[in-house]
Amino acid sequence: MRNKNWDLAFVIIGILNIAFSFAGNNTIEVIFGFEINIWTYRTIWGFIVIGSFLSYRKKKKLELEAND
């Protein structure tokens, strides 16, 4: 099981990637050598952010319950 802090790091990195994608004037982004639409890129990072945040929150809740 990953450390919960890694999940939080992925949330921060994902939010920064999404924010910086709006700062650029790109209509496409390259992932693994494939050109994809910028909105698809943002959606992928959005899913990563949401998934990592939910995982972080779940691990934090389990940790708090274990300490009780």
C-alpha atoms as a PDB file:
ATOM      1  CA  MET A   1       0.000   0.000   0.000  1.00  0.00           C
ATOM      2  CA  ARG A   2       1.304   3.449  -0.923  1.00  0.00           C
ATOM      3  CA  ASN A   3       2.031   6.019   1.709  1.00  0.00           C
ATOM      4  CA  LYS A   4      -0.854   8.504   1.966  1.00  0.00           C
ATOM      5  CA  ASN A   5       1.563  11.379   1.424  1.00  0.00           C
ATOM      6  CA  TRP A   6       2.224  10.138  -2.115  1.00  0.00           C
ATOM      7  CA  ASP A   7      -1.485  10.438  -2.830  1.00  0.00           C
ATOM      8  CA  LEU A   8      -1.410  14.031  -1.636  1.00  0.00           C
ATOM      9  CA  ALA A   9       1.644  14.708  -3.831  1.00  0.00           C
ATOM     10  CA  PHE A  10      -0.223  13.362  -6.888  1.00  0.00           C
ATOM     11  CA  VAL A  11      -3.134  15.673  -6.064  1.00  0.00           C
ATOM     12  CA  ILE A  12      -0.839  18.705  -5.961  1.00  0.00           C
ATOM     13  CA  ILE A  13       1.033  17.713  -9.134  1.00  0.00           C
ATOM     14  CA  GLY A  14      -2.239  17.072 -10.953  1.00  0.00           C
ATOM     15  CA  ILE A  15      -3.728  20.406  -9.962  1.00  0.00           C
ATOM     16  CA  LEU A  16      -0.560  22.175 -11.103  1.00  0.00           C
ATOM     17  CA  ASN A  17      -0.602  20.316 -14.442  1.00  0.00           C
ATOM     18  CA  ILE A  18      -4.209  21.291 -15.040  1.00  0.00           C
ATOM     19  CA  ALA A  19      -3.576  24.920 -14.055  1.00  0.00           C
ATOM     20  CA  PHE A  20      -0.483  25.239 -16.248  1.00  0.00           C
ATOM     21  CA  SER A  21      -2.312  23.673 -19.191  1.00  0.00           C
ATOM     22  CA  PHE A  22      -4.620  26.702 -19.127  1.00  0.00           C
ATOM     23  CA  ALA A  23      -1.651  29.081 -19.037  1.00  0.00           C
ATOM     24  CA  GLY A  24      -0.224  27.749 -22.295  1.00  0.00           C
ATOM     25  CA  ASN A  25      -1.723  28.359 -25.700  1.00  0.00           C
ATOM     26  CA  ASN A  26      -1.730  24.682 -26.664  1.00  0.00           C
ATOM     27  CA  THR A  27      -4.593  22.820 -28.297  1.00  0.00           C
ATOM     28  CA  ILE A  28      -2.797  19.473 -28.043  1.00  0.00           C
ATOM     29  CA  GLU A  29      -0.561  17.790 -25.490  1.00  0.00           C
ATOM     30  CA  VAL A  30       1.794  14.833 -25.888  1.00  0.00           C
ATOM     31  CA  ILE A  31       1.508  11.841 -23.533  1.00  0.00           C
ATOM     32  CA  PHE A  32       3.691   8.770 -24.133  1.00  0.00           C
ATOM     33  CA  GLY A  33       4.415   9.988 -27.656  1.00  0.00           C
ATOM     34  CA  PHE A  34       0.739  10.398 -28.596  1.00  0.00           C
ATOM     35  CA  GLU A  35      -0.825  13.749 -29.364  1.00  0.00           C
ATOM     36  CA  ILE A  36      -4.144  14.200 -27.584  1.00  0.00           C
ATOM     37  CA  ASN A  37      -6.663  17.005 -27.303  1.00  0.00           C
ATOM     38  CA  ILE A  38      -5.920  19.391 -24.431  1.00  0.00           C
ATOM     39  CA  TRP A  39      -9.332  18.716 -22.866  1.00  0.00           C
ATOM     40  CA  THR A  40      -8.645  14.983 -22.867  1.00  0.00           C
ATOM     41  CA  TYR A  41      -5.314  15.712 -21.167  1.00  0.00           C
ATOM     42  CA  ARG A  42      -7.056  17.806 -18.518  1.00  0.00           C
ATOM     43  CA  THR A  43      -9.698  15.111 -18.016  1.00  0.00           C
ATOM     44  CA  ILE A  44      -7.042  12.420 -17.502  1.00  0.00           C
ATOM     45  CA  TRP A  45      -5.295  14.572 -14.909  1.00  0.00           C
ATOM     46  CA  GLY A  46      -8.651  15.362 -13.338  1.00  0.00           C
ATOM     47  CA  PHE A  47      -9.331  11.649 -12.822  1.00  0.00           C
ATOM     48  CA  ILE A  48      -5.852  11.217 -11.338  1.00  0.00           C
ATOM     49  CA  VAL A  49      -6.468  14.114  -8.939  1.00  0.00           C
ATOM     50  CA  ILE A  50      -9.892  12.850  -7.860  1.00  0.00           C
ATOM     51  CA  GLY A  51      -8.704   9.258  -7.451  1.00  0.00           C
ATOM     52  CA  SER A  52      -5.638  10.265  -5.466  1.00  0.00           C
ATOM     53  CA  PHE A  53      -7.631  12.605  -3.244  1.00  0.00           C
ATOM     54  CA  LEU A  54     -10.236   9.939  -2.481  1.00  0.00           C
ATOM     55  CA  SER A  55      -7.469   7.447  -1.721  1.00  0.00           C
ATOM     56  CA  TYR A  56      -5.761   9.981   0.567  1.00  0.00           C
ATOM     57  CA  ARG A  57      -8.999  10.699   2.404  1.00  0.00           C
ATOM     58  CA  LYS A  58      -9.751   6.981   2.824  1.00  0.00           C
ATOM     59  CA  LYS A  59      -6.268   6.255   4.220  1.00  0.00           C
ATOM     60  CA  LYS A  60      -6.476   9.254   6.539  1.00  0.00           C
ATOM     61  CA  LYS A  61      -9.855   8.062   7.846  1.00  0.00           C
ATOM     62  CA  LEU A  62      -8.528   4.540   8.456  1.00  0.00           C
ATOM     63  CA  GLU A  63      -5.522   5.975  10.268  1.00  0.00           C
ATOM     64  CA  LEU A  64      -7.735   8.091  12.522  1.00  0.00           C
ATOM     65  CA  GLU A  65      -9.989   5.108  13.297  1.00  0.00           C
ATOM     66  CA  ALA A  66      -6.961   2.966  14.144  1.00  0.00           C
ATOM     67  CA  ASN A  67      -5.732   5.586  16.617  1.00  0.00           C
ATOM     68  CA  ASP A  68      -9.045   5.629  18.511  1.00  0.00           C
END
